[in-house]
Amino acid sequence: MRRKICIIGNSYGVSIPKEILEKLQLTPGTQVEVKVDEKAKKIIIEPSVRESFQDTVDKEFAAQVNDFIERYRPALKTLAEK
């Protein structure tokens, strides 16, 4: 699956399709490890081993919070700057 690298603030990012996240049971806010295999020229993204809080957070609630943040990001950013 081909994706583009995009600019996110002072960093870069690649979106991960929802279908892939669902297959791996990953939700917004899940901590991941990003590694580089220089020999194979690959970027490896995998869930962090320290995911103990994931079992206590309701996945539907986490998704709702993420949707809220995405919807109101400009307003939240303005409030944070005040």
N, C-alpha and C. Protein backbone atom coordinates (compact mmCIF):
# COMPACT_ATOMS: atom_id res chain seq x y z
N MET A 1 0.84 -1.17 0.00
CA MET A 1 0.00 0.00 0.00
C MET A 1 0.89 1.24 0.00
N ARG A 2 0.73 2.07 -0.96
CA ARG A 2 1.56 3.26 -1.12
C ARG A 2 0.98 4.41 -0.32
N ARG A 3 1.83 5.12 0.43
CA ARG A 3 1.42 6.29 1.21
C ARG A 3 2.43 7.40 0.97
N LYS A 4 2.04 8.64 1.24
CA LYS A 4 2.94 9.79 1.12
C LYS A 4 3.38 10.26 2.49
N ILE A 5 4.60 10.73 2.56
CA ILE A 5 5.09 11.36 3.78
C ILE A 5 4.55 12.79 3.78
N CYS A 6 3.97 13.20 4.92
CA CYS A 6 3.42 14.55 5.01
C CYS A 6 4.10 15.30 6.15
N ILE A 7 3.95 16.61 6.13
CA ILE A 7 4.53 17.46 7.17
C ILE A 7 3.50 17.60 8.29
N ILE A 8 3.96 17.36 9.53
CA ILE A 8 3.12 17.52 10.71
C ILE A 8 3.91 18.40 11.68
N GLY A 9 3.60 19.70 11.67
CA GLY A 9 4.36 20.62 12.51
C GLY A 9 5.80 20.66 12.04
N ASN A 10 6.73 20.39 12.97
CA ASN A 10 8.16 20.36 12.62
C ASN A 10 8.64 18.94 12.33
N SER A 11 7.70 18.02 12.20
CA SER A 11 8.04 16.62 11.96
C SER A 11 7.41 16.15 10.66
N TYR A 12 7.56 14.87 10.40
CA TYR A 12 6.96 14.25 9.23
C TYR A 12 6.16 13.05 9.68
N GLY A 13 5.18 12.65 8.89
CA GLY A 13 4.36 11.50 9.28
C GLY A 13 3.79 10.78 8.07
N VAL A 14 3.27 9.60 8.34
CA VAL A 14 2.60 8.78 7.34
C VAL A 14 1.31 8.31 7.99
N SER A 15 0.19 8.47 7.29
CA SER A 15 -1.07 7.99 7.86
C SER A 15 -1.13 6.47 7.73
N ILE A 16 -1.77 5.86 8.72
CA ILE A 16 -1.94 4.41 8.72
C ILE A 16 -3.42 4.14 8.47
N PRO A 17 -3.74 3.38 7.44
CA PRO A 17 -5.14 3.10 7.13
C PRO A 17 -5.88 2.46 8.30
N LYS A 18 -7.14 2.85 8.47
CA LYS A 18 -7.98 2.36 9.55
C LYS A 18 -8.04 0.83 9.56
N GLU A 19 -8.10 0.22 8.38
CA GLU A 19 -8.19 -1.23 8.28
C GLU A 19 -6.99 -1.92 8.93
N ILE A 20 -5.82 -1.35 8.75
CA ILE A 20 -4.61 -1.93 9.34
C ILE A 20 -4.65 -1.79 10.85
N LEU A 21 -5.05 -0.61 11.33
CA LEU A 21 -5.14 -0.40 12.78
C LEU A 21 -6.14 -1.37 13.40
N GLU A 22 -7.28 -1.57 12.73
CA GLU A 22 -8.28 -2.50 13.25
C GLU A 22 -7.76 -3.93 13.29
N LYS A 23 -7.05 -4.35 12.25
CA LYS A 23 -6.50 -5.71 12.22
C LYS A 23 -5.53 -5.95 13.37
N LEU A 24 -4.77 -4.91 13.74
CA LEU A 24 -3.79 -5.03 14.81
C LEU A 24 -4.36 -4.61 16.16
N GLN A 25 -5.64 -4.27 16.20
CA GLN A 25 -6.32 -3.82 17.41
C GLN A 25 -5.61 -2.63 18.04
N LEU A 26 -5.23 -1.67 17.22
CA LEU A 26 -4.59 -0.44 17.70
C LEU A 26 -5.61 0.68 17.63
N THR A 27 -5.58 1.56 18.61
CA THR A 27 -6.51 2.68 18.67
C THR A 27 -5.73 3.98 18.76
N PRO A 28 -6.39 5.10 18.48
CA PRO A 28 -5.71 6.39 18.63
C PRO A 28 -5.17 6.52 20.05
N GLY A 29 -3.95 6.97 20.15
CA GLY A 29 -3.30 7.12 21.44
C GLY A 29 -2.42 5.95 21.82
N THR A 30 -2.49 4.85 21.06
CA THR A 30 -1.64 3.71 21.36
C THR A 30 -0.17 4.10 21.17
N GLN A 31 0.65 3.77 22.14
CA GLN A 31 2.09 4.05 22.05
C GLN A 31 2.74 3.04 21.12
N VAL A 32 3.59 3.50 20.23
CA VAL A 32 4.31 2.61 19.32
C VAL A 32 5.80 2.90 19.39
N GLU A 33 6.57 1.92 19.00
CA GLU A 33 8.02 2.07 18.88
C GLU A 33 8.33 2.22 17.39
N VAL A 34 9.18 3.18 17.06
CA VAL A 34 9.60 3.39 15.68
C VAL A 34 11.08 3.05 15.60
N LYS A 35 11.40 2.08 14.76
CA LYS A 35 12.78 1.62 14.63
C LYS A 35 13.21 1.70 13.17
N VAL A 36 14.50 1.72 12.96
CA VAL A 36 15.06 1.76 11.61
C VAL A 36 15.95 0.54 11.40
N ASP A 37 15.71 -0.17 10.31
CA ASP A 37 16.60 -1.25 9.89
C ASP A 37 17.42 -0.66 8.75
N GLU A 38 18.58 -0.11 9.09
CA GLU A 38 19.39 0.60 8.10
C GLU A 38 19.85 -0.32 6.98
N LYS A 39 20.16 -1.56 7.32
CA LYS A 39 20.65 -2.49 6.30
C LYS A 39 19.58 -2.76 5.25
N ALA A 40 18.34 -2.97 5.70
CA ALA A 40 17.25 -3.26 4.78
C ALA A 40 16.55 -1.98 4.31
N LYS A 41 16.97 -0.82 4.86
CA LYS A 41 16.35 0.47 4.55
C LYS A 41 14.85 0.43 4.80
N LYS A 42 14.48 0.01 6.03
CA LYS A 42 13.08 -0.09 6.41
C LYS A 42 12.81 0.67 7.69
N ILE A 43 11.60 1.20 7.78
CA ILE A 43 11.10 1.79 9.02
C ILE A 43 10.14 0.77 9.61
N ILE A 44 10.31 0.46 10.88
CA ILE A 44 9.48 -0.54 11.54
C ILE A 44 8.68 0.16 12.65
N ILE A 45 7.36 0.02 12.60
CA ILE A 45 6.49 0.58 13.62
C ILE A 45 5.78 -0.58 14.29
N GLU A 46 5.91 -0.70 15.62
CA GLU A 46 5.25 -1.79 16.33
C GLU A 46 4.74 -1.28 17.67
N PRO A 47 3.67 -1.91 18.18
CA PRO A 47 3.13 -1.48 19.46
C PRO A 47 4.18 -1.54 20.56
N SER A 48 4.14 -0.56 21.44
CA SER A 48 5.05 -0.53 22.57
C SER A 48 4.69 -1.64 23.54
N VAL A 49 5.68 -2.17 24.20
CA VAL A 49 5.44 -3.27 25.14
C VAL A 49 4.75 -2.76 26.40
N ARG A 50 4.88 -1.49 26.69
CA ARG A 50 4.31 -0.91 27.91
C ARG A 50 2.88 -0.44 27.68
N GLU A 51 1.99 -1.34 27.37
CA GLU A 51 0.61 -0.98 27.05
C GLU A 51 -0.36 -1.38 28.16
N SER A 52 0.08 -1.40 29.41
CA SER A 52 -0.79 -1.87 30.49
C SER A 52 -2.07 -1.05 30.64
N PHE A 53 -2.00 0.26 30.37
CA PHE A 53 -3.19 1.10 30.51
C PHE A 53 -4.23 0.81 29.43
N GLN A 54 -3.84 0.21 28.32
CA GLN A 54 -4.77 -0.07 27.23
C GLN A 54 -5.92 -0.96 27.69
N ASP A 55 -5.67 -1.86 28.60
CA ASP A 55 -6.71 -2.76 29.07
C ASP A 55 -7.76 -2.05 29.90
N THR A 56 -7.40 -0.91 30.49
CA THR A 56 -8.33 -0.20 31.37
C THR A 56 -9.07 0.94 30.66
N VAL A 57 -8.63 1.30 29.46
CA VAL A 57 -9.28 2.39 28.73
C VAL A 57 -10.28 1.81 27.73
N ASP A 58 -11.52 2.30 27.81
CA ASP A 58 -12.55 1.85 26.89
C ASP A 58 -12.21 2.33 25.48
N LYS A 59 -12.12 1.41 24.54
CA LYS A 59 -11.70 1.74 23.17
C LYS A 59 -12.68 2.68 22.49
N GLU A 60 -13.96 2.51 22.72
CA GLU A 60 -14.96 3.39 22.11
C GLU A 60 -14.82 4.81 22.65
N PHE A 61 -14.58 4.93 23.96
CA PHE A 61 -14.38 6.25 24.57
C PHE A 61 -13.13 6.91 24.00
N ALA A 62 -12.05 6.15 23.88
CA ALA A 62 -10.81 6.69 23.33
C ALA A 62 -11.02 7.18 21.91
N ALA A 63 -11.80 6.45 21.13
CA ALA A 63 -12.09 6.86 19.75
C ALA A 63 -12.91 8.14 19.74
N GLN A 64 -13.87 8.26 20.66
CA GLN A 64 -14.68 9.47 20.74
C GLN A 64 -13.82 10.68 21.12
N VAL A 65 -12.90 10.49 22.06
CA VAL A 65 -12.01 11.57 22.46
C VAL A 65 -11.15 11.99 21.27
N ASN A 66 -10.62 11.01 20.53
CA ASN A 66 -9.80 11.32 19.38
C ASN A 66 -10.61 12.09 18.32
N ASP A 67 -11.84 11.66 18.07
CA ASP A 67 -12.70 12.37 17.11
C ASP A 67 -12.94 13.81 17.56
N PHE A 68 -13.17 14.00 18.86
CA PHE A 68 -13.39 15.34 19.40
C PHE A 68 -12.15 16.22 19.17
N ILE A 69 -10.99 15.66 19.48
CA ILE A 69 -9.74 16.42 19.31
C ILE A 69 -9.54 16.78 17.84
N GLU A 70 -9.76 15.84 16.94
CA GLU A 70 -9.59 16.13 15.52
C GLU A 70 -10.58 17.19 15.04
N ARG A 71 -11.81 17.09 15.50
CA ARG A 71 -12.85 18.03 15.07
C ARG A 71 -12.58 19.45 15.57
N TYR A 72 -12.12 19.56 16.81
CA TYR A 72 -11.94 20.88 17.43
C TYR A 72 -10.47 21.27 17.59
N ARG A 73 -9.57 20.65 16.84
CA ARG A 73 -8.14 20.92 16.97
C ARG A 73 -7.79 22.41 16.87
N PRO A 74 -8.32 23.16 15.88
CA PRO A 74 -7.97 24.59 15.81
C PRO A 74 -8.40 25.36 17.06
N ALA A 75 -9.59 25.09 17.56
CA ALA A 75 -10.06 25.79 18.77
C ALA A 75 -9.23 25.39 19.98
N LEU A 76 -8.91 24.11 20.10
CA LEU A 76 -8.09 23.65 21.22
C LEU A 76 -6.69 24.26 21.17
N LYS A 77 -6.15 24.38 19.96
CA LYS A 77 -4.82 24.98 19.81
C LYS A 77 -4.85 26.45 20.23
N THR A 78 -5.90 27.17 19.82
CA THR A 78 -6.05 28.58 20.20
C THR A 78 -6.17 28.72 21.71
N LEU A 79 -6.96 27.86 22.34
CA LEU A 79 -7.10 27.91 23.79
C LEU A 79 -5.78 27.61 24.49
N ALA A 80 -5.02 26.68 23.97
CA ALA A 80 -3.75 26.31 24.59
C ALA A 80 -2.73 27.46 24.51
N GLU A 81 -2.85 28.29 23.49
CA GLU A 81 -1.91 29.39 23.31
C GLU A 81 -2.24 30.59 24.21
N LYS A 82 -3.43 30.61 24.80
CA LYS A 82 -3.83 31.75 25.64
C LYS A 82 -3.33 31.61 27.05
